């Protein structure tokens, strides 16, 4: 297997397909509804799973990437038509049994929608975490993002960027951002 998302054509096709079905902060919130979205934020997944069943292609992607579910190869191919199933596997996006290998999560800083990529958490997948596990967006990272002073600056440094959530939030008020990490997998994602 190549490094995760190493092929820019796969990355571009994946982003295009995710956006085309509304895999954005607002699109996912609309599909799930207020109750299921709030429950998911508390770690209760079943209302989101139930709500996603009415969502067509978007529902498949929510179950796959946000809920860590297993989907059929055909459903994933229909939901992500720009990228072949084999390319998704080769780039570490899905596993051969057609479950997500990565957490791909829409996130907004209030002005811009982003797709944040990390490893699935331990509640979403069996077995131990990888030694180079990349944490996703959590309560602590969001608290830190809210605590940062928003005064415009020329440059900022994000040490230990992980999934890059702090760098994305810095983008709104920094001309240049350098994000670095000793974890090569974090840099690849």
N, C-alpha and C. Protein backbone atom coordinates (compact mmCIF):
# COMPACT_ATOMS: atom_id res chain seq x y z
N UNK A 1 0.84 -1.18 0.00
CA UNK A 1 0.00 0.00 0.00
C UNK A 1 0.89 1.24 0.00
N UNK A 2 0.45 2.24 -0.76
CA UNK A 2 1.17 3.51 -0.78
C UNK A 2 0.85 4.30 0.49
N UNK A 3 1.52 5.42 0.68
CA UNK A 3 1.21 6.30 1.81
C UNK A 3 -0.25 6.75 1.68
N UNK A 4 -0.91 7.06 2.79
CA UNK A 4 -2.31 7.46 2.70
C UNK A 4 -2.48 8.70 1.83
N UNK A 5 -3.43 8.60 0.90
CA UNK A 5 -3.77 9.70 0.00
C UNK A 5 -2.57 10.27 -0.75
N UNK A 6 -1.65 9.39 -1.16
CA UNK A 6 -0.44 9.82 -1.85
C UNK A 6 -0.70 10.26 -3.29
N UNK A 7 -1.72 9.70 -3.91
CA UNK A 7 -2.03 10.02 -5.31
C UNK A 7 -2.94 11.25 -5.34
N UNK A 8 -2.45 12.34 -5.90
CA UNK A 8 -3.24 13.59 -5.92
C UNK A 8 -4.52 13.43 -6.73
N UNK A 9 -4.53 12.55 -7.72
CA UNK A 9 -5.76 12.33 -8.50
C UNK A 9 -6.83 11.69 -7.62
N UNK A 10 -6.42 10.78 -6.74
CA UNK A 10 -7.37 10.16 -5.81
C UNK A 10 -7.88 11.21 -4.82
N UNK A 11 -6.97 12.00 -4.29
CA UNK A 11 -7.34 13.05 -3.34
C UNK A 11 -8.31 14.04 -3.98
N UNK A 12 -8.01 14.49 -5.19
CA UNK A 12 -8.88 15.45 -5.89
C UNK A 12 -10.25 14.84 -6.20
N UNK A 13 -10.25 13.60 -6.69
CA UNK A 13 -11.52 12.93 -7.01
C UNK A 13 -12.36 12.70 -5.77
N UNK A 14 -11.71 12.29 -4.69
CA UNK A 14 -12.41 12.06 -3.43
C UNK A 14 -13.04 13.37 -2.93
N UNK A 15 -12.28 14.44 -2.92
CA UNK A 15 -12.80 15.74 -2.48
C UNK A 15 -13.97 16.18 -3.36
N UNK A 16 -13.83 16.01 -4.67
CA UNK A 16 -14.90 16.39 -5.61
C UNK A 16 -16.18 15.60 -5.33
N UNK A 17 -16.05 14.28 -5.14
CA UNK A 17 -17.22 13.44 -4.88
C UNK A 17 -17.86 13.77 -3.53
N UNK A 18 -17.03 13.99 -2.51
CA UNK A 18 -17.58 14.32 -1.19
C UNK A 18 -18.37 15.62 -1.25
N UNK A 19 -17.83 16.61 -1.91
CA UNK A 19 -18.52 17.91 -2.00
C UNK A 19 -19.76 17.83 -2.88
N UNK A 20 -19.72 17.00 -3.92
CA UNK A 20 -20.85 16.93 -4.85
C UNK A 20 -22.12 16.38 -4.20
N UNK A 21 -21.97 15.60 -3.14
CA UNK A 21 -23.15 15.06 -2.46
C UNK A 21 -23.49 15.84 -1.19
N UNK A 22 -22.76 16.92 -0.93
CA UNK A 22 -23.05 17.72 0.25
C UNK A 22 -22.40 17.23 1.52
N UNK A 23 -21.26 16.54 1.39
CA UNK A 23 -20.51 16.08 2.57
C UNK A 23 -19.76 17.28 3.13
N UNK A 24 -20.53 18.19 3.69
CA UNK A 24 -20.03 19.42 4.30
C UNK A 24 -20.63 19.50 5.69
N UNK A 25 -20.19 20.46 6.46
CA UNK A 25 -20.74 20.64 7.80
C UNK A 25 -22.25 20.82 7.73
N UNK A 26 -22.69 21.72 6.87
CA UNK A 26 -24.12 21.99 6.74
C UNK A 26 -24.89 20.83 6.14
N UNK A 27 -24.32 20.18 5.13
CA UNK A 27 -25.00 19.07 4.47
C UNK A 27 -25.21 17.89 5.40
N UNK A 28 -24.19 17.56 6.19
CA UNK A 28 -24.31 16.45 7.15
C UNK A 28 -25.30 16.81 8.25
N UNK A 29 -25.24 18.06 8.73
CA UNK A 29 -26.18 18.50 9.78
C UNK A 29 -27.61 18.43 9.29
N UNK A 30 -27.84 18.82 8.05
CA UNK A 30 -29.20 18.77 7.48
C UNK A 30 -29.68 17.33 7.36
N UNK A 31 -28.81 16.44 6.88
CA UNK A 31 -29.20 15.04 6.74
C UNK A 31 -29.54 14.43 8.10
N UNK A 32 -28.67 14.64 9.07
CA UNK A 32 -28.85 13.99 10.37
C UNK A 32 -29.97 14.61 11.19
N UNK A 33 -30.15 15.90 11.07
CA UNK A 33 -31.12 16.58 11.92
C UNK A 33 -30.49 16.95 13.24
N UNK A 34 -31.11 17.88 13.92
CA UNK A 34 -30.54 18.43 15.16
C UNK A 34 -30.32 17.37 16.23
N UNK A 35 -31.32 16.50 16.44
CA UNK A 35 -31.22 15.48 17.50
C UNK A 35 -30.08 14.49 17.24
N UNK A 36 -30.03 13.94 16.02
CA UNK A 36 -28.99 12.95 15.71
C UNK A 36 -27.60 13.57 15.69
N UNK A 37 -27.50 14.81 15.20
CA UNK A 37 -26.19 15.47 15.18
C UNK A 37 -25.70 15.74 16.60
N UNK A 38 -26.60 16.18 17.47
CA UNK A 38 -26.22 16.43 18.87
C UNK A 38 -25.82 15.13 19.56
N UNK A 39 -26.54 14.06 19.28
CA UNK A 39 -26.21 12.77 19.87
C UNK A 39 -24.84 12.30 19.40
N UNK A 40 -24.55 12.47 18.11
CA UNK A 40 -23.25 12.08 17.56
C UNK A 40 -22.13 12.87 18.24
N UNK A 41 -22.37 14.14 18.50
CA UNK A 41 -21.38 14.96 19.20
C UNK A 41 -21.09 14.46 20.60
N UNK A 42 -22.03 13.74 21.19
CA UNK A 42 -21.84 13.14 22.52
C UNK A 42 -21.33 11.71 22.44
N UNK A 43 -21.08 11.22 21.22
CA UNK A 43 -20.58 9.86 21.06
C UNK A 43 -21.67 8.80 20.93
N UNK A 44 -22.90 9.20 20.82
CA UNK A 44 -24.02 8.27 20.62
C UNK A 44 -24.29 8.21 19.12
N UNK A 45 -23.98 7.08 18.50
CA UNK A 45 -23.97 6.99 17.05
C UNK A 45 -25.27 6.52 16.43
N UNK A 46 -26.09 5.75 17.15
CA UNK A 46 -27.24 5.10 16.51
C UNK A 46 -28.28 6.06 15.93
N UNK A 47 -28.58 7.23 16.53
CA UNK A 47 -29.52 8.14 15.85
C UNK A 47 -28.98 8.62 14.50
N UNK A 48 -27.67 8.85 14.42
CA UNK A 48 -27.06 9.28 13.15
C UNK A 48 -27.12 8.14 12.13
N UNK A 49 -26.89 6.93 12.58
CA UNK A 49 -26.95 5.78 11.67
C UNK A 49 -28.36 5.66 11.10
N UNK A 50 -29.36 5.78 11.95
CA UNK A 50 -30.75 5.67 11.50
C UNK A 50 -31.09 6.82 10.54
N UNK A 51 -30.72 8.05 10.89
CA UNK A 51 -31.02 9.20 10.04
C UNK A 51 -30.31 9.11 8.70
N UNK A 52 -29.13 8.53 8.67
CA UNK A 52 -28.35 8.45 7.42
C UNK A 52 -28.97 7.49 6.41
N UNK A 53 -29.84 6.59 6.85
CA UNK A 53 -30.45 5.61 5.95
C UNK A 53 -31.31 6.26 4.89
N UNK A 54 -31.79 7.48 5.13
CA UNK A 54 -32.62 8.19 4.16
C UNK A 54 -31.78 9.12 3.28
N UNK A 55 -30.47 9.02 3.38
CA UNK A 55 -29.60 10.00 2.74
C UNK A 55 -28.96 9.62 1.44
N UNK A 56 -29.29 8.50 0.82
CA UNK A 56 -28.69 8.14 -0.46
C UNK A 56 -27.18 8.09 -0.39
N UNK A 57 -26.51 8.69 -1.39
CA UNK A 57 -25.04 8.69 -1.46
C UNK A 57 -24.43 9.37 -0.23
N UNK A 58 -25.01 10.49 0.20
CA UNK A 58 -24.49 11.18 1.38
C UNK A 58 -24.60 10.28 2.60
N UNK A 59 -25.70 9.57 2.74
CA UNK A 59 -25.87 8.66 3.87
C UNK A 59 -24.82 7.57 3.89
N UNK A 60 -24.49 7.03 2.73
CA UNK A 60 -23.43 6.01 2.63
C UNK A 60 -22.11 6.58 3.15
N UNK A 61 -21.78 7.80 2.73
CA UNK A 61 -20.51 8.41 3.13
C UNK A 61 -20.49 8.77 4.61
N UNK A 62 -21.62 9.18 5.16
CA UNK A 62 -21.70 9.45 6.60
C UNK A 62 -21.47 8.17 7.38
N UNK A 63 -22.14 7.09 6.98
CA UNK A 63 -21.96 5.80 7.69
C UNK A 63 -20.53 5.29 7.55
N UNK A 64 -19.94 5.47 6.37
CA UNK A 64 -18.60 4.97 6.10
C UNK A 64 -17.54 5.77 6.86
N UNK A 65 -17.52 7.09 6.67
CA UNK A 65 -16.43 7.91 7.20
C UNK A 65 -16.67 8.47 8.59
N UNK A 66 -17.89 8.80 8.94
CA UNK A 66 -18.15 9.38 10.25
C UNK A 66 -18.54 8.35 11.30
N UNK A 67 -19.20 7.28 10.88
CA UNK A 67 -19.66 6.28 11.84
C UNK A 67 -18.83 5.00 11.81
N UNK A 68 -17.89 4.90 10.87
CA UNK A 68 -17.01 3.72 10.81
C UNK A 68 -17.72 2.45 10.41
N UNK A 69 -18.81 2.59 9.68
CA UNK A 69 -19.59 1.41 9.28
C UNK A 69 -19.01 0.70 8.08
N UNK A 70 -19.52 -0.47 7.81
CA UNK A 70 -19.15 -1.25 6.64
C UNK A 70 -20.25 -1.09 5.60
N UNK A 71 -19.88 -0.75 4.39
CA UNK A 71 -20.82 -0.57 3.29
C UNK A 71 -20.49 -1.55 2.18
N UNK A 72 -21.40 -1.72 1.24
CA UNK A 72 -21.11 -2.61 0.12
C UNK A 72 -20.18 -1.91 -0.86
N UNK A 73 -19.44 -2.71 -1.58
CA UNK A 73 -18.53 -2.17 -2.60
C UNK A 73 -19.30 -1.35 -3.63
N UNK A 74 -20.48 -1.85 -4.04
CA UNK A 74 -21.29 -1.13 -5.02
C UNK A 74 -21.77 0.21 -4.49
N UNK A 75 -22.20 0.26 -3.23
CA UNK A 75 -22.67 1.52 -2.65
C UNK A 75 -21.53 2.53 -2.56
N UNK A 76 -20.33 2.07 -2.20
CA UNK A 76 -19.18 2.98 -2.13
C UNK A 76 -18.82 3.46 -3.53
N UNK A 77 -18.86 2.56 -4.52
CA UNK A 77 -18.56 2.95 -5.90
C UNK A 77 -19.57 3.98 -6.40
N UNK A 78 -20.85 3.81 -6.05
CA UNK A 78 -21.87 4.78 -6.46
C UNK A 78 -21.68 6.12 -5.76
N UNK A 79 -21.26 6.08 -4.49
CA UNK A 79 -21.10 7.31 -3.72
C UNK A 79 -19.83 8.07 -4.10
N UNK A 80 -18.82 7.36 -4.59
CA UNK A 80 -17.54 7.97 -4.96
C UNK A 80 -17.19 7.59 -6.41
N UNK A 81 -17.94 8.10 -7.38
CA UNK A 81 -17.76 7.65 -8.76
C UNK A 81 -16.47 8.11 -9.44
N UNK A 82 -15.80 9.12 -8.91
CA UNK A 82 -14.59 9.64 -9.57
C UNK A 82 -13.34 8.83 -9.25
N UNK A 83 -13.42 7.94 -8.25
CA UNK A 83 -12.24 7.21 -7.81
C UNK A 83 -12.59 5.72 -7.78
N UNK A 84 -11.74 4.90 -8.38
CA UNK A 84 -12.03 3.46 -8.38
C UNK A 84 -11.87 2.87 -6.99
N UNK A 85 -12.58 1.81 -6.74
CA UNK A 85 -12.48 1.10 -5.46
C UNK A 85 -11.03 0.69 -5.19
N UNK A 86 -10.35 0.16 -6.21
CA UNK A 86 -8.96 -0.28 -6.04
C UNK A 86 -8.04 0.89 -5.67
N UNK A 87 -8.28 2.06 -6.26
CA UNK A 87 -7.48 3.25 -5.91
C UNK A 87 -7.76 3.69 -4.49
N UNK A 88 -9.02 3.59 -4.05
CA UNK A 88 -9.36 3.93 -2.66
C UNK A 88 -8.63 3.01 -1.68
N UNK A 89 -8.58 1.73 -1.99
CA UNK A 89 -7.86 0.77 -1.13
C UNK A 89 -6.37 1.05 -1.17
N UNK A 90 -5.81 1.24 -2.37
CA UNK A 90 -4.37 1.47 -2.51
C UNK A 90 -3.91 2.74 -1.80
N UNK A 91 -4.80 3.73 -1.68
CA UNK A 91 -4.45 5.00 -1.04
C UNK A 91 -4.89 5.06 0.41
N UNK A 92 -5.27 3.92 0.97
CA UNK A 92 -5.58 3.86 2.39
C UNK A 92 -6.85 4.56 2.82
N UNK A 93 -7.78 4.76 1.88
CA UNK A 93 -9.04 5.44 2.22
C UNK A 93 -10.07 4.44 2.74
N UNK A 94 -10.16 3.28 2.11
CA UNK A 94 -11.03 2.21 2.58
C UNK A 94 -10.22 0.93 2.70
N UNK A 95 -10.74 0.02 3.50
CA UNK A 95 -10.11 -1.29 3.64
C UNK A 95 -10.81 -2.26 2.71
N UNK A 96 -10.17 -3.38 2.36
CA UNK A 96 -10.75 -4.30 1.38
C UNK A 96 -12.16 -4.81 1.74
N UNK A 97 -12.49 -4.87 3.04
CA UNK A 97 -13.84 -5.31 3.41
C UNK A 97 -14.84 -4.17 3.34
N UNK A 98 -14.48 -3.09 2.69
CA UNK A 98 -15.29 -1.92 2.40
C UNK A 98 -15.78 -1.25 3.69
N UNK A 99 -14.82 -0.92 4.50
CA UNK A 99 -15.06 -0.04 5.64
C UNK A 99 -13.99 1.04 5.58
N UNK A 100 -14.30 2.17 6.16
CA UNK A 100 -13.36 3.29 6.09
C UNK A 100 -12.08 2.94 6.82
N UNK A 101 -10.96 3.33 6.24
CA UNK A 101 -9.67 3.21 6.90
C UNK A 101 -9.28 4.54 7.52
N UNK A 102 -9.99 5.60 7.12
CA UNK A 102 -9.72 6.95 7.62
C UNK A 102 -11.01 7.60 8.06
N UNK A 103 -10.90 8.54 8.98
CA UNK A 103 -12.02 9.39 9.36
C UNK A 103 -11.90 10.65 8.49
N UNK A 104 -12.87 10.88 7.64
CA UNK A 104 -12.90 12.08 6.82
C UNK A 104 -14.13 12.85 7.28
N UNK A 105 -13.88 14.01 7.85
CA UNK A 105 -14.92 14.73 8.57
C UNK A 105 -15.05 16.16 8.05
N UNK A 106 -16.28 16.56 7.66
CA UNK A 106 -16.45 17.97 7.32
C UNK A 106 -16.36 18.81 8.58
N UNK A 107 -15.74 19.97 8.48
CA UNK A 107 -15.57 20.85 9.64
C UNK A 107 -15.59 22.28 9.14
N UNK A 108 -16.19 23.17 9.92
CA UNK A 108 -16.24 24.58 9.56
C UNK A 108 -15.66 25.42 10.68
N UNK A 109 -14.93 26.46 10.30
CA UNK A 109 -14.43 27.41 11.29
C UNK A 109 -15.38 28.60 11.41
N UNK A 110 -16.55 28.49 10.80
CA UNK A 110 -17.52 29.55 10.81
C UNK A 110 -17.52 30.34 9.52
N UNK A 111 -16.42 30.29 8.79
CA UNK A 111 -16.31 31.02 7.53
C UNK A 111 -16.05 30.07 6.35
N UNK A 112 -15.31 29.00 6.60
CA UNK A 112 -14.90 28.09 5.54
C UNK A 112 -15.17 26.66 5.95
N UNK A 113 -15.63 25.84 4.99
CA UNK A 113 -15.78 24.40 5.23
C UNK A 113 -14.51 23.70 4.80
N UNK A 114 -14.06 22.76 5.63
CA UNK A 114 -12.87 21.96 5.36
C UNK A 114 -13.24 20.48 5.45
N UNK A 115 -12.40 19.63 4.89
CA UNK A 115 -12.47 18.18 5.11
C UNK A 115 -11.23 17.83 5.92
N UNK A 116 -11.43 17.34 7.13
CA UNK A 116 -10.33 17.01 8.03
C UNK A 116 -10.16 15.49 8.02
N UNK A 117 -8.93 15.04 7.76
CA UNK A 117 -8.64 13.61 7.64
C UNK A 117 -7.79 13.18 8.83
N UNK A 118 -8.19 12.08 9.46
CA UNK A 118 -7.43 11.50 10.58
C UNK A 118 -7.68 10.00 10.57
N UNK A 119 -7.09 9.31 11.53
CA UNK A 119 -7.38 7.89 11.69
C UNK A 119 -8.68 7.73 12.46
N UNK A 120 -9.34 6.61 12.24
CA UNK A 120 -10.55 6.30 13.00
C UNK A 120 -10.18 6.11 14.46
N UNK A 121 -11.08 6.52 15.36
CA UNK A 121 -10.78 6.33 16.78
C UNK A 121 -11.03 4.89 17.19
N UNK A 122 -10.61 4.55 18.39
CA UNK A 122 -10.68 3.16 18.84
C UNK A 122 -12.11 2.65 18.96
N UNK A 123 -13.09 3.55 19.12
CA UNK A 123 -14.49 3.13 19.21
C UNK A 123 -15.05 2.75 17.84
N UNK A 124 -14.41 3.19 16.76
CA UNK A 124 -14.90 2.96 15.41
C UNK A 124 -14.28 1.77 14.72
N UNK A 125 -13.22 1.21 15.30
CA UNK A 125 -12.56 0.09 14.62
C UNK A 125 -12.02 -0.90 15.65
N UNK A 126 -11.96 -2.14 15.28
CA UNK A 126 -11.44 -3.15 16.22
C UNK A 126 -9.92 -3.12 16.31
N UNK A 127 -9.40 -3.67 17.38
CA UNK A 127 -7.96 -3.84 17.53
C UNK A 127 -7.27 -2.62 18.10
N UNK A 128 -5.98 -2.78 18.32
CA UNK A 128 -5.20 -1.67 18.90
C UNK A 128 -4.98 -0.56 17.86
N UNK A 129 -4.70 0.62 18.36
CA UNK A 129 -4.39 1.74 17.48
C UNK A 129 -2.99 1.57 16.91
N UNK A 130 -2.76 2.13 15.75
CA UNK A 130 -1.44 2.11 15.12
C UNK A 130 -0.47 2.91 15.99
N UNK A 131 0.82 2.59 15.97
CA UNK A 131 1.79 3.41 16.70
C UNK A 131 1.87 4.84 16.18
N UNK A 132 1.53 5.05 14.91
CA UNK A 132 1.56 6.39 14.32
C UNK A 132 0.14 6.95 14.13
N UNK A 133 -0.76 6.54 15.01
CA UNK A 133 -2.16 6.97 14.97
C UNK A 133 -2.27 8.49 14.95
N UNK A 134 -3.14 9.01 14.09
CA UNK A 134 -3.38 10.45 13.99
C UNK A 134 -4.75 10.74 14.58
N UNK A 135 -4.74 11.48 15.70
CA UNK A 135 -5.99 11.84 16.36
C UNK A 135 -6.82 12.77 15.48
N UNK A 136 -8.12 12.65 15.60
CA UNK A 136 -9.03 13.53 14.89
C UNK A 136 -9.42 14.73 15.74
N UNK A 137 -10.49 15.36 15.33
CA UNK A 137 -11.00 16.53 16.04
C UNK A 137 -11.65 16.06 17.33
N UNK A 138 -11.23 16.64 18.45
CA UNK A 138 -11.81 16.30 19.74
C UNK A 138 -12.16 17.55 20.52
N UNK A 139 -12.75 17.34 21.67
CA UNK A 139 -13.16 18.46 22.51
C UNK A 139 -11.97 19.33 22.92
N UNK A 140 -10.85 18.71 23.24
CA UNK A 140 -9.67 19.49 23.66
C UNK A 140 -9.14 20.34 22.51
N UNK A 141 -9.09 19.77 21.30
CA UNK A 141 -8.59 20.56 20.17
C UNK A 141 -9.54 21.71 19.83
N UNK A 142 -10.83 21.50 20.00
CA UNK A 142 -11.79 22.58 19.74
C UNK A 142 -11.71 23.66 20.83
N UNK A 143 -11.48 23.26 22.07
CA UNK A 143 -11.30 24.25 23.13
C UNK A 143 -10.08 25.12 22.85
N UNK A 144 -8.99 24.48 22.40
CA UNK A 144 -7.78 25.24 22.06
C UNK A 144 -8.05 26.19 20.90
N UNK A 145 -8.73 25.72 19.87
CA UNK A 145 -9.03 26.57 18.71
C UNK A 145 -9.86 27.78 19.13
N UNK A 146 -10.81 27.59 20.04
CA UNK A 146 -11.63 28.72 20.51
C UNK A 146 -10.84 29.68 21.39
N UNK A 147 -9.80 29.19 22.05
CA UNK A 147 -9.02 30.03 22.98
C UNK A 147 -7.99 30.91 22.28
N UNK A 148 -7.66 30.60 21.03
CA UNK A 148 -6.64 31.37 20.31
C UNK A 148 -7.14 32.77 20.01
N UNK A 149 -6.32 33.76 20.30
CA UNK A 149 -6.64 35.15 19.99
C UNK A 149 -6.68 35.32 18.48
N UNK A 150 -7.68 36.00 17.97
CA UNK A 150 -7.89 36.12 16.53
C UNK A 150 -7.30 37.39 15.92
N UNK A 151 -6.35 38.00 16.56
CA UNK A 151 -5.68 39.17 16.00
C UNK A 151 -4.91 38.75 14.75
N UNK A 152 -5.09 39.46 13.62
CA UNK A 152 -4.35 39.09 12.42
C UNK A 152 -2.84 39.17 12.65
N UNK A 153 -2.14 38.14 12.18
CA UNK A 153 -0.68 38.08 12.29
C UNK A 153 -0.09 37.65 10.96
N UNK A 154 1.21 37.89 10.81
CA UNK A 154 1.89 37.52 9.57
C UNK A 154 2.13 36.02 9.50
N UNK A 155 2.57 35.41 10.61
CA UNK A 155 2.94 33.99 10.56
C UNK A 155 2.57 33.29 11.86
N UNK A 156 2.31 31.99 11.73
CA UNK A 156 2.02 31.15 12.91
C UNK A 156 2.68 29.79 12.70
N UNK A 157 3.01 29.15 13.80
CA UNK A 157 3.63 27.83 13.79
C UNK A 157 2.75 26.87 14.57
N UNK A 158 2.38 25.76 13.94
CA UNK A 158 1.57 24.72 14.58
C UNK A 158 2.49 23.52 14.80
N UNK A 159 3.00 23.38 16.01
CA UNK A 159 3.88 22.26 16.36
C UNK A 159 3.04 21.05 16.74
N UNK A 160 3.33 19.90 16.17
CA UNK A 160 2.55 18.70 16.47
C UNK A 160 1.16 18.84 15.89
N UNK A 161 1.06 19.13 14.62
CA UNK A 161 -0.21 19.48 13.98
C UNK A 161 -1.25 18.37 13.99
N UNK A 162 -0.82 17.11 14.02
CA UNK A 162 -1.80 16.01 14.00
C UNK A 162 -2.66 16.08 12.77
N UNK A 163 -3.99 16.16 12.95
CA UNK A 163 -4.90 16.23 11.80
C UNK A 163 -4.96 17.62 11.18
N UNK A 164 -4.29 18.60 11.79
CA UNK A 164 -4.21 19.93 11.22
C UNK A 164 -5.32 20.88 11.60
N UNK A 165 -6.13 20.52 12.57
CA UNK A 165 -7.29 21.35 12.91
C UNK A 165 -6.89 22.73 13.39
N UNK A 166 -5.80 22.85 14.14
CA UNK A 166 -5.38 24.18 14.60
C UNK A 166 -4.92 25.03 13.43
N UNK A 167 -4.18 24.44 12.51
CA UNK A 167 -3.71 25.18 11.33
C UNK A 167 -4.89 25.67 10.49
N UNK A 168 -5.93 24.86 10.38
CA UNK A 168 -7.11 25.29 9.62
C UNK A 168 -7.77 26.49 10.28
N UNK A 169 -7.86 26.48 11.60
CA UNK A 169 -8.47 27.61 12.31
C UNK A 169 -7.56 28.85 12.25
N UNK A 170 -6.25 28.65 12.22
CA UNK A 170 -5.33 29.78 12.11
C UNK A 170 -5.43 30.46 10.74
N UNK A 171 -5.85 29.71 9.75
CA UNK A 171 -5.91 30.20 8.38
C UNK A 171 -6.72 31.49 8.24
N UNK A 172 -7.72 31.68 9.09
CA UNK A 172 -8.59 32.85 8.97
C UNK A 172 -7.90 34.15 9.35
N UNK A 173 -6.80 34.09 10.10
CA UNK A 173 -6.17 35.33 10.54
C UNK A 173 -4.64 35.34 10.47
N UNK A 174 -4.07 34.41 9.72
CA UNK A 174 -2.61 34.36 9.54
C UNK A 174 -2.29 34.36 8.05
N UNK A 175 -1.30 35.15 7.67
CA UNK A 175 -0.86 35.17 6.28
C UNK A 175 -0.15 33.88 5.89
N UNK A 176 0.66 33.35 6.82
CA UNK A 176 1.44 32.15 6.53
C UNK A 176 1.38 31.24 7.75
N UNK A 177 1.19 29.94 7.50
CA UNK A 177 1.13 28.96 8.59
C UNK A 177 2.09 27.83 8.25
N UNK A 178 2.93 27.48 9.19
CA UNK A 178 3.79 26.32 9.06
C UNK A 178 3.28 25.29 10.06
N UNK A 179 2.87 24.14 9.55
CA UNK A 179 2.39 23.05 10.40
C UNK A 179 3.39 21.91 10.29
N UNK A 180 3.85 21.42 11.44
CA UNK A 180 4.86 20.37 11.45
C UNK A 180 4.52 19.32 12.48
N UNK A 181 5.07 18.13 12.30
CA UNK A 181 4.82 17.03 13.22
C UNK A 181 5.95 16.02 13.05
N UNK A 182 6.29 15.30 14.10
CA UNK A 182 7.29 14.22 13.99
C UNK A 182 6.64 12.95 13.43
N UNK A 183 5.31 12.88 13.43
CA UNK A 183 4.58 11.75 12.90
C UNK A 183 4.38 11.94 11.39
N UNK A 184 5.10 11.17 10.59
CA UNK A 184 5.04 11.29 9.15
C UNK A 184 3.64 10.99 8.61
N UNK A 185 2.91 10.09 9.28
CA UNK A 185 1.54 9.78 8.86
C UNK A 185 0.64 11.01 9.02
N UNK A 186 0.83 11.76 10.10
CA UNK A 186 0.05 12.99 10.30
C UNK A 186 0.32 13.97 9.16
N UNK A 187 1.55 14.09 8.76
CA UNK A 187 1.88 15.01 7.67
C UNK A 187 1.27 14.52 6.35
N UNK A 188 1.25 13.22 6.13
CA UNK A 188 0.65 12.68 4.91
C UNK A 188 -0.85 12.93 4.88
N UNK A 189 -1.50 12.76 6.05
CA UNK A 189 -2.95 12.98 6.08
C UNK A 189 -3.28 14.45 6.03
